[in-house]
PDB file of all heavy atoms in Angstrom:
ATOM      1  N   ILE A   1     161.050 158.366 166.318  1.00  0.00           N
ATOM      2  CA  ILE A   1     161.920 159.193 165.494  1.00  0.00           C
ATOM      3  C   ILE A   1     162.689 158.329 164.494  1.00  0.00           C
ATOM      4  O   ILE A   1     162.892 158.708 163.332  1.00  0.00           O
ATOM      5  CB  ILE A   1     162.889 159.995 166.387  1.00  0.00           C
ATOM      6  CG1 ILE A   1     162.100 161.017 167.213  1.00  0.00           C
ATOM      7  CG2 ILE A   1     163.945 160.696 165.547  1.00  0.00           C
ATOM      8  CD1 ILE A   1     162.937 161.739 168.242  1.00  0.00           C
ATOM      9  N   LYS A   2     163.152 157.159 164.928  1.00  0.00           N
ATOM     10  CA  LYS A   2     163.850 156.245 164.030  1.00  0.00           C
ATOM     11  C   LYS A   2     162.958 155.822 162.876  1.00  0.00           C
ATOM     12  O   LYS A   2     163.383 155.763 161.720  1.00  0.00           O
ATOM     13  CB  LYS A   2     164.339 155.019 164.790  1.00  0.00           C
ATOM     14  CG  LYS A   2     165.472 155.287 165.774  1.00  0.00           C
ATOM     15  CD  LYS A   2     165.895 154.001 166.444  1.00  0.00           C
ATOM     16  CE  LYS A   2     167.025 154.219 167.443  1.00  0.00           C
ATOM     17  NZ  LYS A   2     167.420 152.960 168.111  1.00  0.00           N
ATOM     18  N   LEU A   3     161.704 155.506 163.184  1.00  0.00           N
ATOM     19  CA  LEU A   3     160.770 155.100 162.135  1.00  0.00           C
ATOM     20  C   LEU A   3     160.511 156.239 161.155  1.00  0.00           C
ATOM     21  O   LEU A   3     160.371 156.012 159.943  1.00  0.00           O
ATOM     22  CB  LEU A   3     159.442 154.647 162.764  1.00  0.00           C
ATOM     23  CG  LEU A   3     159.469 153.305 163.488  1.00  0.00           C
ATOM     24  CD1 LEU A   3     158.182 153.108 164.287  1.00  0.00           C
ATOM     25  CD2 LEU A   3     159.661 152.158 162.514  1.00  0.00           C
ATOM     26  N   ASP A   4     160.452 157.448 161.655  1.00  0.00           N
ATOM     27  CA  ASP A   4     160.198 158.590 160.785  1.00  0.00           C
ATOM     28  C   ASP A   4     161.367 158.821 159.825  1.00  0.00           C
ATOM     29  O   ASP A   4     161.171 159.355 158.728  1.00  0.00           O
ATOM     30  CB  ASP A   4     159.968 159.842 161.645  1.00  0.00           C
ATOM     31  CG  ASP A   4     159.533 161.024 160.795  1.00  0.00           C
ATOM     32  OD1 ASP A   4     158.473 160.938 160.157  1.00  0.00           O
ATOM     33  OD2 ASP A   4     160.283 162.023 160.758  1.00  0.00           O
ATOM     34  N   GLY A   5     162.569 158.414 160.199  1.00  0.00           N
ATOM     35  CA  GLY A   5     163.737 158.600 159.344  1.00  0.00           C
ATOM     36  C   GLY A   5     163.934 157.526 158.304  1.00  0.00           C
ATOM     37  O   GLY A   5     164.861 157.606 157.496  1.00  0.00           O
ATOM     38  N   ILE A   6     163.077 156.500 158.283  1.00  0.00           N
ATOM     39  CA  ILE A   6     163.199 155.412 157.316  1.00  0.00           C
ATOM     40  C   ILE A   6     162.366 155.743 156.083  1.00  0.00           C
ATOM     41  O   ILE A   6     161.176 156.005 156.175  1.00  0.00           O
ATOM     42  CB  ILE A   6     162.732 154.072 157.918  1.00  0.00           C
ATOM     43  CG1 ILE A   6     163.644 153.676 159.087  1.00  0.00           C
ATOM     44  CG2 ILE A   6     162.719 152.974 156.865  1.00  0.00           C
ATOM     45  CD1 ILE A   6     163.207 152.425 159.798  1.00  0.00           C
ATOM     46  N   SER A   7     163.014 155.740 154.921  1.00  0.00           N
ATOM     47  CA  SER A   7     162.328 155.984 153.650  1.00  0.00           C
ATOM     48  C   SER A   7     162.017 154.633 153.010  1.00  0.00           C
ATOM     49  O   SER A   7     162.918 153.824 152.778  1.00  0.00           O
ATOM     50  CB  SER A   7     163.203 156.827 152.729  1.00  0.00           C
ATOM     51  OG  SER A   7     162.569 157.008 151.476  1.00  0.00           O
ATOM     52  N   ALA A   8     160.747 154.385 152.755  1.00  0.00           N
ATOM     53  CA  ALA A   8     160.352 153.079 152.223  1.00  0.00           C
ATOM     54  C   ALA A   8     159.147 153.253 151.310  1.00  0.00           C
ATOM     55  O   ALA A   8     158.496 154.293 151.280  1.00  0.00           O
ATOM     56  CB  ALA A   8     160.028 152.116 153.367  1.00  0.00           C
ATOM     57  N   ASP A   9     158.866 152.193 150.554  1.00  0.00           N
ATOM     58  CA  ASP A   9     157.696 152.162 149.691  1.00  0.00           C
ATOM     59  C   ASP A   9     157.168 150.741 149.628  1.00  0.00           C
ATOM     60  O   ASP A   9     157.831 149.790 150.037  1.00  0.00           O
ATOM     61  CB  ASP A   9     158.032 152.667 148.282  1.00  0.00           C
ATOM     62  CG  ASP A   9     159.189 151.900 147.653  1.00  0.00           C
ATOM     63  OD1 ASP A   9     159.699 150.973 148.311  1.00  0.00           O
ATOM     64  OD2 ASP A   9     159.583 152.216 146.515  1.00  0.00           O
ATOM     65  N   GLY A  10     155.956 150.612 149.140  1.00  0.00           N
ATOM     66  CA  GLY A  10     155.365 149.279 149.002  1.00  0.00           C
ATOM     67  C   GLY A  10     155.096 148.613 150.333  1.00  0.00           C
ATOM     68  O   GLY A  10     154.594 149.227 151.290  1.00  0.00           O
ATOM     69  N   ASP A  11     155.433 147.331 150.419  1.00  0.00           N
ATOM     70  CA  ASP A  11     155.189 146.553 151.629  1.00  0.00           C
ATOM     71  C   ASP A  11     156.003 147.071 152.805  1.00  0.00           C
ATOM     72  O   ASP A  11     155.533 147.033 153.958  1.00  0.00           O
ATOM     73  CB  ASP A  11     155.523 145.078 151.376  1.00  0.00           C
ATOM     74  CG  ASP A  11     154.606 144.445 150.350  1.00  0.00           C
ATOM     75  OD1 ASP A  11     153.504 144.986 150.149  1.00  0.00           O
ATOM     76  OD2 ASP A  11     154.981 143.427 149.745  1.00  0.00           O
ATOM     77  N   VAL A  12     157.215 147.547 152.552  1.00  0.00           N
ATOM     78  CA  VAL A  12     158.050 148.060 153.638  1.00  0.00           C
ATOM     79  C   VAL A  12     157.420 149.314 154.248  1.00  0.00           C
ATOM     80  O   VAL A  12     157.454 149.515 155.470  1.00  0.00           O
ATOM     81  CB  VAL A  12     159.464 148.367 153.117  1.00  0.00           C
ATOM     82  CG1 VAL A  12     160.343 148.900 154.238  1.00  0.00           C
ATOM     83  CG2 VAL A  12     160.087 147.116 152.518  1.00  0.00           C
ATOM     84  N   LYS A  13     156.815 150.139 153.420  1.00  0.00           N
ATOM     85  CA  LYS A  13     156.136 151.327 153.922  1.00  0.00           C
ATOM     86  C   LYS A  13     154.951 150.941 154.808  1.00  0.00           C
ATOM     87  O   LYS A  13     154.683 151.589 155.821  1.00  0.00           O
ATOM     88  CB  LYS A  13     155.665 152.182 152.744  1.00  0.00           C
ATOM     89  CG  LYS A  13     155.061 153.504 153.146  1.00  0.00           C
ATOM     90  CD  LYS A  13     154.700 154.323 151.913  1.00  0.00           C
ATOM     91  CE  LYS A  13     154.112 155.670 152.307  1.00  0.00           C
ATOM     92  NZ  LYS A  13     153.776 156.492 151.098  1.00  0.00           N
ATOM     93  N   LEU A  14     154.253 149.885 154.428  1.00  0.00           N
ATOM     94  CA  LEU A  14     153.126 149.409 155.231  1.00  0.00           C
ATOM     95  C   LEU A  14     153.619 148.895 156.582  1.00  0.00           C
ATOM     96  O   LEU A  14     152.990 149.141 157.619  1.00  0.00           O
ATOM     97  CB  LEU A  14     152.382 148.308 154.474  1.00  0.00           C
ATOM     98  CG  LEU A  14     151.181 147.679 155.188  1.00  0.00           C
ATOM     99  CD1 LEU A  14     150.130 148.735 155.478  1.00  0.00           C
ATOM    100  CD2 LEU A  14     150.588 146.556 154.346  1.00  0.00           C
ATOM    101  N   GLN A  15     154.747 148.187 156.608  1.00  0.00           N
ATOM    102  CA  GLN A  15     155.316 147.709 157.871  1.00  0.00           C
ATOM    103  C   GLN A  15     155.707 148.875 158.776  1.00  0.00           C
ATOM    104  O   GLN A  15     155.467 148.842 159.989  1.00  0.00           O
ATOM    105  CB  GLN A  15     156.548 146.846 157.591  1.00  0.00           C
ATOM    106  CG  GLN A  15     156.252 145.561 156.840  1.00  0.00           C
ATOM    107  CD  GLN A  15     157.499 144.787 156.505  1.00  0.00           C
ATOM    108  OE1 GLN A  15     158.585 145.079 157.011  1.00  0.00           O
ATOM    109  NE2 GLN A  15     157.378 143.798 155.635  1.00  0.00           N
ATOM    110  N   ARG A  16     156.291 149.901 158.190  1.00  0.00           N
ATOM    111  CA  ARG A  16     156.671 151.063 158.996  1.00  0.00           C
ATOM    112  C   ARG A  16     155.441 151.738 159.598  1.00  0.00           C
ATOM    113  O   ARG A  16     155.438 152.149 160.763  1.00  0.00           O
ATOM    114  CB  ARG A  16     157.429 152.073 158.128  1.00  0.00           C
ATOM    115  CG  ARG A  16     157.964 153.268 158.890  1.00  0.00           C
ATOM    116  CD  ARG A  16     158.506 154.323 157.970  1.00  0.00           C
ATOM    117  NE  ARG A  16     157.445 154.889 157.143  1.00  0.00           N
ATOM    118  CZ  ARG A  16     157.636 155.841 156.235  1.00  0.00           C
ATOM    119  NH1 ARG A  16     158.854 156.299 156.020  1.00  0.00           N
ATOM    120  NH2 ARG A  16     156.642 156.316 155.531  1.00  0.00           N
ATOM    121  N   ARG A  17     154.374 151.854 158.802  1.00  0.00           N
ATOM    122  CA  ARG A  17     153.156 152.501 159.300  1.00  0.00           C
ATOM    123  C   ARG A  17     152.553 151.715 160.463  1.00  0.00           C
ATOM    124  O   ARG A  17     152.067 152.302 161.441  1.00  0.00           O
ATOM    125  CB  ARG A  17     152.146 152.594 158.149  1.00  0.00           C
ATOM    126  CG  ARG A  17     150.889 153.400 158.481  1.00  0.00           C
ATOM    127  CD  ARG A  17     149.964 153.423 157.293  1.00  0.00           C
ATOM    128  NE  ARG A  17     150.634 153.946 156.113  1.00  0.00           N
ATOM    129  CZ  ARG A  17     150.108 153.896 154.898  1.00  0.00           C
ATOM    130  NH1 ARG A  17     148.932 153.339 154.697  1.00  0.00           N
ATOM    131  NH2 ARG A  17     150.769 154.399 153.868  1.00  0.00           N
ATOM    132  N   MET A  18     152.589 150.400 160.388  1.00  0.00           N
ATOM    133  CA  MET A  18     152.061 149.574 161.480  1.00  0.00           C
ATOM    134  C   MET A  18     152.853 149.792 162.767  1.00  0.00           C
ATOM    135  O   MET A  18     152.277 149.900 163.864  1.00  0.00           O
ATOM    136  CB  MET A  18     152.103 148.102 161.074  1.00  0.00           C
ATOM    137  CG  MET A  18     151.147 147.727 159.961  1.00  0.00           C
ATOM    138  SD  MET A  18     151.318 146.003 159.427  1.00  0.00           S
ATOM    139  CE  MET A  18     150.967 145.144 160.961  1.00  0.00           C
ATOM    140  N   GLN A  19     154.178 149.882 162.673  1.00  0.00           N
ATOM    141  CA  GLN A  19     155.010 150.098 163.868  1.00  0.00           C
ATOM    142  C   GLN A  19     154.795 151.501 164.442  1.00  0.00           C
ATOM    143  O   GLN A  19     154.810 151.686 165.659  1.00  0.00           O
ATOM    144  CB  GLN A  19     156.480 149.876 163.531  1.00  0.00           C
ATOM    145  CG  GLN A  19     156.807 148.451 163.139  1.00  0.00           C
ATOM    146  CD  GLN A  19     156.375 147.445 164.185  1.00  0.00           C
ATOM    147  OE1 GLN A  19     156.594 147.632 165.380  1.00  0.00           O
ATOM    148  NE2 GLN A  19     155.746 146.377 163.738  1.00  0.00           N
ATOM    149  N   VAL A  20     154.590 152.482 163.574  1.00  0.00           N
ATOM    150  CA  VAL A  20     154.317 153.840 164.051  1.00  0.00           C
ATOM    151  C   VAL A  20     153.034 153.866 164.869  1.00  0.00           C
ATOM    152  O   VAL A  20     152.961 154.483 165.943  1.00  0.00           O
ATOM    153  CB  VAL A  20     154.226 154.816 162.865  1.00  0.00           C
ATOM    154  CG1 VAL A  20     153.663 156.167 163.299  1.00  0.00           C
ATOM    155  CG2 VAL A  20     155.593 155.017 162.239  1.00  0.00           C
ATOM    156  N   LYS A  21     152.002 153.194 164.380  1.00  0.00           N
ATOM    157  CA  LYS A  21     150.733 153.141 165.116  1.00  0.00           C
ATOM    158  C   LYS A  21     150.904 152.432 166.463  1.00  0.00           C
ATOM    159  O   LYS A  21     150.313 152.837 167.470  1.00  0.00           O
ATOM    160  CB  LYS A  21     149.679 152.436 164.276  1.00  0.00           C
ATOM    161  CG  LYS A  21     149.215 153.246 163.066  1.00  0.00           C
ATOM    162  CD  LYS A  21     148.123 152.519 162.296  1.00  0.00           C
ATOM    163  CE  LYS A  21     147.626 153.347 161.121  1.00  0.00           C
ATOM    164  NZ  LYS A  21     146.560 152.643 160.360  1.00  0.00           N
ATOM    165  N   ARG A  22     151.712 151.375 166.490  1.00  0.00           N
ATOM    166  CA  ARG A  22     151.967 150.670 167.753  1.00  0.00           C
ATOM    167  C   ARG A  22     152.613 151.589 168.788  1.00  0.00           C
ATOM    168  O   ARG A  22     152.181 151.669 169.932  1.00  0.00           O
ATOM    169  CB  ARG A  22     152.865 149.466 167.516  1.00  0.00           C
ATOM    170  CG  ARG A  22     152.209 148.262 166.898  1.00  0.00           C
ATOM    171  CD  ARG A  22     153.183 147.102 166.901  1.00  0.00           C
ATOM    172  NE  ARG A  22     153.500 146.661 168.246  1.00  0.00           N
ATOM    173  CZ  ARG A  22     154.551 145.943 168.560  1.00  0.00           C
ATOM    174  NH1 ARG A  22     155.430 145.611 167.634  1.00  0.00           N
ATOM    175  NH2 ARG A  22     154.759 145.571 169.801  1.00  0.00           N
ATOM    176  N   VAL A  23     153.671 152.286 168.355  1.00  0.00           N
ATOM    177  CA  VAL A  23     154.404 153.164 169.274  1.00  0.00           C
ATOM    178  C   VAL A  23     153.496 154.280 169.776  1.00  0.00           C
ATOM    179  O   VAL A  23     153.490 154.598 170.977  1.00  0.00           O
ATOM    180  CB  VAL A  23     155.647 153.739 168.576  1.00  0.00           C
ATOM    181  CG1 VAL A  23     156.336 154.753 169.472  1.00  0.00           C
ATOM    182  CG2 VAL A  23     156.618 152.623 168.212  1.00  0.00           C
ATOM    183  N   GLN A  24     152.714 154.881 168.890  1.00  0.00           N
ATOM    184  CA  GLN A  24     151.804 155.947 169.303  1.00  0.00           C
ATOM    185  C   GLN A  24     150.769 155.438 170.307  1.00  0.00           C
ATOM    186  O   GLN A  24     150.421 156.139 171.278  1.00  0.00           O
ATOM    187  CB  GLN A  24     151.110 156.535 168.081  1.00  0.00           C
ATOM    188  CG  GLN A  24     152.033 157.320 167.163  1.00  0.00           C
ATOM    189  CD  GLN A  24     151.339 157.786 165.907  1.00  0.00           C
ATOM    190  OE1 GLN A  24     150.262 157.295 165.552  1.00  0.00           O
ATOM    191  NE2 GLN A  24     151.953 158.721 165.203  1.00  0.00           N
ATOM    192  N   LYS A  25     150.309 154.214 170.119  1.00  0.00           N
ATOM    193  CA  LYS A  25     149.343 153.632 171.040  1.00  0.00           C
ATOM    194  C   LYS A  25     149.943 153.461 172.437  1.00  0.00           C
ATOM    195  O   LYS A  25     149.302 153.777 173.446  1.00  0.00           O
ATOM    196  CB  LYS A  25     148.871 152.287 170.495  1.00  0.00           C
ATOM    197  CG  LYS A  25     147.907 151.549 171.416  1.00  0.00           C
ATOM    198  CD  LYS A  25     147.536 150.198 170.829  1.00  0.00           C
ATOM    199  CE  LYS A  25     146.647 149.426 171.801  1.00  0.00           C
ATOM    200  NZ  LYS A  25     146.315 148.074 171.246  1.00  0.00           N
ATOM    201  N   TYR A  26     151.194 152.981 172.516  1.00  0.00           N
ATOM    202  CA  TYR A  26     151.834 152.785 173.830  1.00  0.00           C
ATOM    203  C   TYR A  26     152.124 154.114 174.511  1.00  0.00           C
ATOM    204  O   TYR A  26     152.019 154.230 175.743  1.00  0.00           O
ATOM    205  CB  TYR A  26     153.124 151.979 173.657  1.00  0.00           C
ATOM    206  CG  TYR A  26     152.880 150.553 173.230  1.00  0.00           C
ATOM    207  CD1 TYR A  26     153.674 149.966 172.231  1.00  0.00           C
ATOM    208  CD2 TYR A  26     151.870 149.796 173.792  1.00  0.00           C
ATOM    209  CE1 TYR A  26     153.452 148.656 171.826  1.00  0.00           C
ATOM    210  CE2 TYR A  26     151.649 148.482 173.383  1.00  0.00           C
ATOM    211  CZ  TYR A  26     152.435 147.925 172.397  1.00  0.00           C
ATOM    212  OH  TYR A  26     152.219 146.633 171.995  1.00  0.00           O
ATOM    213  N   ILE A  27     152.456 155.141 173.734  1.00  0.00           N
ATOM    214  CA  ILE A  27     152.692 156.460 174.320  1.00  0.00           C
ATOM    215  C   ILE A  27     151.406 157.025 174.904  1.00  0.00           C
ATOM    216  O   ILE A  27     151.385 157.584 176.014  1.00  0.00           O
ATOM    217  CB  ILE A  27     153.275 157.412 173.261  1.00  0.00           C
ATOM    218  CG1 ILE A  27     154.700 156.975 172.888  1.00  0.00           C
ATOM    219  CG2 ILE A  27     153.299 158.850 173.779  1.00  0.00           C
ATOM    220  CD1 ILE A  27     155.316 157.801 171.768  1.00  0.00           C
ATOM    221  N   GLU A  28     150.303 156.855 174.188  1.00  0.00           N
ATOM    222  CA  GLU A  28     149.011 157.306 174.712  1.00  0.00           C
ATOM    223  C   GLU A  28     148.631 156.546 175.970  1.00  0.00           C
ATOM    224  O   GLU A  28     148.097 157.121 176.937  1.00  0.00           O
ATOM    225  CB  GLU A  28     147.932 157.124 173.641  1.00  0.00           C
ATOM    226  CG  GLU A  28     148.104 158.036 172.431  1.00  0.00           C
ATOM    227  CD  GLU A  28     147.102 157.734 171.340  1.00  0.00           C
ATOM    228  OE1 GLU A  28     146.304 156.767 171.529  1.00  0.00           O
ATOM    229  OE2 GLU A  28     147.115 158.424 170.308  1.00  0.00           O
ATOM    230  N   THR A  29     148.924 155.273 176.004  1.00  0.00           N
ATOM    231  CA  THR A  29     148.629 154.467 177.205  1.00  0.00           C
ATOM    232  C   THR A  29     149.429 154.962 178.400  1.00  0.00           C
ATOM    233  O   THR A  29     148.903 155.086 179.519  1.00  0.00           O
ATOM    234  CB  THR A  29     148.958 152.992 176.935  1.00  0.00           C
ATOM    235  OG1 THR A  29     148.182 152.516 175.837  1.00  0.00           O
ATOM    236  CG2 THR A  29     148.664 152.132 178.160  1.00  0.00           C
ATOM    237  N   LEU A  30     150.698 155.277 178.181  1.00  0.00           N
ATOM    238  CA  LEU A  30     151.525 155.778 179.283  1.00  0.00           C
ATOM    239  C   LEU A  30     151.061 157.141 179.764  1.00  0.00           C
ATOM    240  O   LEU A  30     151.134 157.446 180.970  1.00  0.00           O
ATOM    241  CB  LEU A  30     152.980 155.852 178.835  1.00  0.00           C
ATOM    242  CG  LEU A  30     153.704 154.504 178.683  1.00  0.00           C
ATOM    243  CD1 LEU A  30     155.071 154.692 178.041  1.00  0.00           C
ATOM    244  CD2 LEU A  30     153.840 153.805 180.026  1.00  0.00           C
ATOM    245  N   ASP A  31     150.580 157.985 178.859  1.00  0.00           N
ATOM    246  CA  ASP A  31     150.044 159.290 179.271  1.00  0.00           C
ATOM    247  C   ASP A  31     148.836 159.109 180.193  1.00  0.00           C
ATOM    248  O   ASP A  31     148.701 159.814 181.211  1.00  0.00           O
ATOM    249  CB  ASP A  31     149.659 160.109 178.040  1.00  0.00           C
ATOM    250  CG  ASP A  31     150.877 160.623 177.280  1.00  0.00           C
ATOM    251  OD1 ASP A  31     151.955 160.751 177.918  1.00  0.00           O
ATOM    252  OD2 ASP A  31     150.756 160.882 176.074  1.00  0.00           O
ATOM    253  N   MET A  32     147.958 158.184 179.845  1.00  0.00           N
ATOM    254  CA  MET A  32     146.794 157.909 180.691  1.00  0.00           C
ATOM    255  C   MET A  32     147.221 157.320 182.034  1.00  0.00           C
ATOM    256  O   MET A  32     146.682 157.671 183.095  1.00  0.00           O
ATOM    257  CB  MET A  32     145.837 156.961 179.966  1.00  0.00           C
ATOM    258  CG  MET A  32     145.243 157.521 178.688  1.00  0.00           C
ATOM    259  SD  MET A  32     144.237 159.001 178.993  1.00  0.00           S
ATOM    260  CE  MET A  32     142.941 158.297 180.017  1.00  0.00           C
ATOM    261  N   LEU A  33     148.211 156.430 182.010  1.00  0.00           N
ATOM    262  CA  LEU A  33     148.683 155.831 183.254  1.00  0.00           C
ATOM    263  C   LEU A  33     149.358 156.874 184.143  1.00  0.00           C
ATOM    264  O   LEU A  33     149.274 156.797 185.380  1.00  0.00           O
ATOM    265  CB  LEU A  33     149.667 154.697 182.947  1.00  0.00           C
ATOM    266  CG  LEU A  33     149.080 153.442 182.294  1.00  0.00           C
ATOM    267  CD1 LEU A  33     150.180 152.474 181.926  1.00  0.00           C
ATOM    268  CD2 LEU A  33     148.068 152.783 183.222  1.00  0.00           C
ATOM    269  N   LYS A  34     150.003 157.848 183.539  1.00  0.00           N
ATOM    270  CA  LYS A  34     150.647 158.899 184.333  1.00  0.00           C
ATOM    271  C   LYS A  34     149.615 159.715 185.092  1.00  0.00           C
ATOM    272  O   LYS A  34     149.812 160.057 186.273  1.00  0.00           O
ATOM    273  CB  LYS A  34     151.468 159.802 183.409  1.00  0.00           C
ATOM    274  CG  LYS A  34     152.331 160.811 184.145  1.00  0.00           C
ATOM    275  CD  LYS A  34     153.305 161.481 183.206  1.00  0.00           C
ATOM    276  CE  LYS A  34     152.576 162.294 182.167  1.00  0.00           C
ATOM    277  NZ  LYS A  34     153.519 163.092 181.342  1.00  0.00           N
ATOM    278  N   ILE A  35     148.510 160.030 184.447  1.00  0.00           N
ATOM    279  CA  ILE A  35     147.429 160.769 185.129  1.00  0.00           C
ATOM    280  C   ILE A  35     146.825 159.925 186.245  1.00  0.00           C
ATOM    281  O   ILE A  35     146.589 160.404 187.364  1.00  0.00           O
ATOM    282  CB  ILE A  35     146.348 161.182 184.100  1.00  0.00           C
ATOM    283  CG1 ILE A  35     146.950 162.137 183.059  1.00  0.00           C
ATOM    284  CG2 ILE A  35     145.160 161.817 184.788  1.00  0.00           C
ATOM    285  CD1 ILE A  35     146.011 162.459 181.917  1.00  0.00           C
TER     286      ILE A  35
END
C-alpha cells in the first residue's frame, strides 16, 4: 500500500515497480506455504 501511494517517474518509477513485484512474490509464497 505504501508503494502504491508513491508518485514517481523515470528511474524512480522503475525502482518502485521492482519493489512491488518483490512484495507480490513474497505474498504469493506465503499463500502457498499456508496451504
